[in-house]
Amino acid sequence: MGLCGSLRKNSAHEQILNTIAEELLPSDSSLTLYRLHNLPPYNEDLDGPSAPYAVLELRQAVLAANGIVIGCPEYNHGMSGVLKNALDWLSRPHGKSVLKAKPILTFTASSAFTGGVRAQQQLNETLWAVSAELTRYPQIVIGSVHGKLSNGRLMDESVRNYIKLGLEALREMILP
């Protein structure tokens, strides 16, 4: 399963997730991109068995997934609000996180040379707090991302190879 932390049409993160799904995964694996457009803002009053349909659907998709690849943009030195909102819905109610023990690979990308490293730190801390299982290596941070994309695809071979290492680490967590 893929989660894109950007709502923008054809965002860099969506392009990278599509490249992963269509070109970089091992042939016996698949990745379905789940869109976060329909999630309402987290509201504990609405949580539980009668949560909004979009929330229940996302939780079911996460439960069914063997692993997750999360692409996270950096906004104001942190993760995107839409992704944080999704993680809040997925980790609540307290003690019922569908992310617990879920193998996850994260990547950040930015037009800045830093590649969203601050957002990745915040994202990873949030995922650790909800007991998700993160790949330990490699930490995928893609700087100057727009120069590495062409025609909706990630073209930079060194970054593609680095992502393949991350996917292999995720695969090893899923199939030890």
Protein backbone atom coordinates (compact mmCIF):
# COMPACT_ATOMS: atom_id res chain seq x y z
CA MET A 1 0.00 0.00 0.00
CA GLY A 2 1.20 3.53 -0.73
CA LEU A 3 0.20 6.68 1.14
CA CYS A 4 0.91 10.06 -0.41
CA GLY A 5 1.14 12.95 2.03
CA SER A 6 0.37 15.48 -0.70
CA LEU A 7 -3.08 16.23 -2.07
CA ARG A 8 -1.68 18.13 -5.05
CA LYS A 9 -2.45 16.55 -8.40
CA ASN A 10 0.65 14.92 -9.88
CA SER A 11 2.82 15.91 -6.90
CA ALA A 12 6.44 14.78 -6.76
CA HIS A 13 5.48 12.25 -4.09
CA GLU A 14 2.66 10.83 -6.19
CA GLN A 15 5.01 10.56 -9.18
CA ILE A 16 7.57 8.72 -7.05
CA LEU A 17 4.95 6.36 -5.60
CA ASN A 18 3.67 5.63 -9.12
CA THR A 19 7.25 4.94 -10.25
CA ILE A 20 7.68 2.56 -7.31
CA ALA A 21 4.41 0.77 -8.10
CA GLU A 22 5.03 0.44 -11.83
CA GLU A 23 8.80 0.12 -12.17
CA LEU A 24 10.72 -0.50 -8.96
CA LEU A 25 8.88 -3.19 -7.02
CA PRO A 26 9.92 -6.83 -7.29
CA SER A 27 7.74 -8.65 -9.83
CA ASP A 28 5.90 -10.61 -7.13
CA SER A 29 4.86 -7.46 -5.23
CA SER A 30 2.27 -4.76 -5.78
CA LEU A 31 1.55 -1.33 -4.39
CA THR A 32 -1.85 0.35 -4.49
CA LEU A 33 -1.88 4.08 -3.88
CA TYR A 34 -4.48 5.13 -1.34
CA ARG A 35 -5.62 8.74 -1.63
CA LEU A 36 -6.23 10.84 1.48
CA HIS A 37 -8.53 13.42 -0.16
CA ASN A 38 -11.73 12.27 1.53
CA LEU A 39 -10.54 12.02 5.12
CA PRO A 40 -12.23 14.52 7.44
CA PRO A 41 -10.16 16.28 10.10
CA TYR A 42 -9.58 14.01 13.08
CA ASN A 43 -12.34 14.35 15.66
CA GLU A 44 -12.37 12.03 18.65
CA ASP A 45 -16.14 12.50 18.94
CA LEU A 46 -16.53 10.72 15.59
CA ASP A 47 -14.04 7.94 16.30
CA GLY A 48 -14.87 4.32 16.98
CA PRO A 49 -17.08 1.84 15.12
CA SER A 50 -19.22 4.61 13.61
CA ALA A 51 -16.27 6.61 12.27
CA PRO A 52 -16.73 8.22 8.84
CA TYR A 53 -16.73 5.79 5.92
CA ALA A 54 -13.46 7.15 4.46
CA VAL A 55 -11.75 6.45 7.80
CA LEU A 56 -13.12 2.91 8.07
CA GLU A 57 -12.09 2.25 4.47
CA LEU A 58 -8.54 3.49 5.10
CA ARG A 59 -8.23 1.44 8.29
CA GLN A 60 -9.37 -1.69 6.43
CA ALA A 61 -6.86 -1.03 3.64
CA VAL A 62 -4.04 -0.69 6.18
CA LEU A 63 -5.08 -3.88 7.98
CA ALA A 64 -5.11 -5.76 4.66
CA ALA A 65 -1.70 -4.42 3.56
CA ASN A 66 1.46 -6.42 4.24
CA GLY A 67 3.44 -3.18 4.33
CA ILE A 68 3.17 0.52 3.58
CA VAL A 69 5.30 2.98 1.63
CA ILE A 70 4.69 6.56 2.76
CA GLY A 71 5.74 9.59 0.69
CA CYS A 72 5.83 12.75 2.79
CA PRO A 73 6.37 16.34 1.66
CA GLU A 74 7.88 18.90 3.99
CA TYR A 75 5.80 21.96 4.82
CA ASN A 76 7.30 24.53 7.20
CA HIS A 77 9.90 22.05 8.49
CA GLY A 78 7.30 19.38 9.28
CA MET A 79 5.14 16.69 7.72
CA SER A 80 2.03 17.67 5.81
CA GLY A 81 -1.17 18.21 7.74
CA VAL A 82 -3.09 15.73 5.59
CA LEU A 83 -0.62 12.96 6.41
CA LYS A 84 -0.60 13.79 10.13
CA ASN A 85 -4.40 13.73 10.04
CA ALA A 86 -4.37 10.28 8.40
CA LEU A 87 -1.92 8.96 10.99
CA ASP A 88 -4.13 10.30 13.77
CA TRP A 89 -7.15 8.45 12.35
CA LEU A 90 -5.10 5.26 11.88
CA SER A 91 -3.64 5.29 15.38
CA ARG A 92 -6.87 5.95 17.28
CA PRO A 93 -8.82 5.15 19.39
CA HIS A 94 -6.03 4.73 21.91
CA GLY A 95 -4.74 1.18 22.02
CA LYS A 96 -6.37 0.21 18.70
CA SER A 97 -3.81 1.49 16.20
CA VAL A 98 -3.96 -0.35 12.88
CA LEU A 99 -0.36 0.79 12.39
CA LYS A 100 0.94 -1.27 15.33
CA ALA A 101 3.70 -3.62 14.11
CA LYS A 102 2.94 -2.65 10.48
CA PRO A 103 6.13 -2.65 8.33
CA ILE A 104 6.62 0.83 6.86
CA LEU A 105 9.12 2.47 4.51
CA THR A 106 9.12 6.27 4.43
CA PHE A 107 10.59 8.74 1.99
CA THR A 108 10.60 12.49 1.76
CA ALA A 109 11.34 14.67 -1.22
CA SER A 110 11.69 18.40 -1.61
CA SER A 111 12.79 21.02 -4.10
CA ALA A 112 15.33 22.07 -1.43
CA PHE A 113 18.65 20.27 -1.23
CA THR A 114 17.71 18.98 2.25
CA GLY A 115 15.06 16.71 0.72
CA GLY A 116 12.52 17.05 3.51
CA VAL A 117 14.75 15.57 6.21
CA ARG A 118 12.96 17.51 8.97
CA ALA A 119 9.58 16.18 7.85
CA GLN A 120 10.99 12.67 7.80
CA GLN A 121 12.22 13.04 11.37
CA GLN A 122 8.77 14.19 12.50
CA LEU A 123 7.03 11.46 10.49
CA ASN A 124 9.28 8.73 11.87
CA GLU A 125 8.83 9.94 15.46
CA THR A 126 5.06 9.84 15.00
CA LEU A 127 5.21 6.33 13.54
CA TRP A 128 7.44 5.10 16.40
CA ALA A 129 4.97 6.60 18.89
CA VAL A 130 2.15 4.49 17.44
CA SER A 131 4.33 1.32 17.44
CA ALA A 132 4.72 0.98 13.68
CA GLU A 133 7.76 -0.98 12.46
CA LEU A 134 10.01 1.24 10.35
CA THR A 135 12.75 0.12 8.03
CA ARG A 136 16.04 1.06 9.65
CA TYR A 137 18.01 1.58 6.46
CA PRO A 138 18.11 3.29 4.12
CA GLN A 139 16.65 6.63 5.14
CA ILE A 140 15.32 7.94 1.82
CA VAL A 141 15.57 11.72 1.48
CA ILE A 142 15.38 13.13 -2.05
CA GLY A 143 16.69 16.66 -2.47
CA SER A 144 16.20 18.86 -5.55
CA VAL A 145 13.47 16.43 -6.53
CA HIS A 146 12.06 18.29 -9.53
CA GLY A 147 15.34 17.83 -11.40
CA LYS A 148 14.98 14.09 -10.88
CA LEU A 149 11.49 13.76 -12.35
CA SER A 150 10.46 13.68 -16.00
CA ASN A 151 7.14 12.82 -17.65
CA GLY A 152 5.60 11.78 -14.34
CA ARG A 153 8.43 9.43 -13.42
CA LEU A 154 11.45 9.39 -11.15
CA MET A 155 14.35 9.18 -13.58
CA ASP A 156 17.45 9.60 -11.38
CA GLU A 157 19.11 6.18 -11.41
CA SER A 158 20.98 6.60 -8.12
CA VAL A 159 17.76 7.55 -6.30
CA ARG A 160 15.88 4.70 -7.98
CA ASN A 161 18.55 2.25 -6.78
CA TYR A 162 18.42 3.70 -3.28
CA ILE A 163 14.64 3.26 -3.20
CA LYS A 164 15.11 -0.35 -4.34
CA LEU A 165 17.32 -0.88 -1.26
CA GLY A 166 14.51 0.51 0.89
CA LEU A 167 11.96 -1.74 -0.79
CA GLU A 168 14.21 -4.73 -0.17
CA ALA A 169 14.47 -3.77 3.52
CA LEU A 170 10.67 -3.53 3.66
CA ARG A 171 10.33 -6.89 1.93
CA GLU A 172 12.68 -8.50 4.47
CA MET A 173 10.47 -7.19 7.28
CA ILE A 174 7.37 -8.65 5.62
CA LEU A 175 8.95 -11.97 4.58
CA PRO A 176 11.75 -12.64 7.10
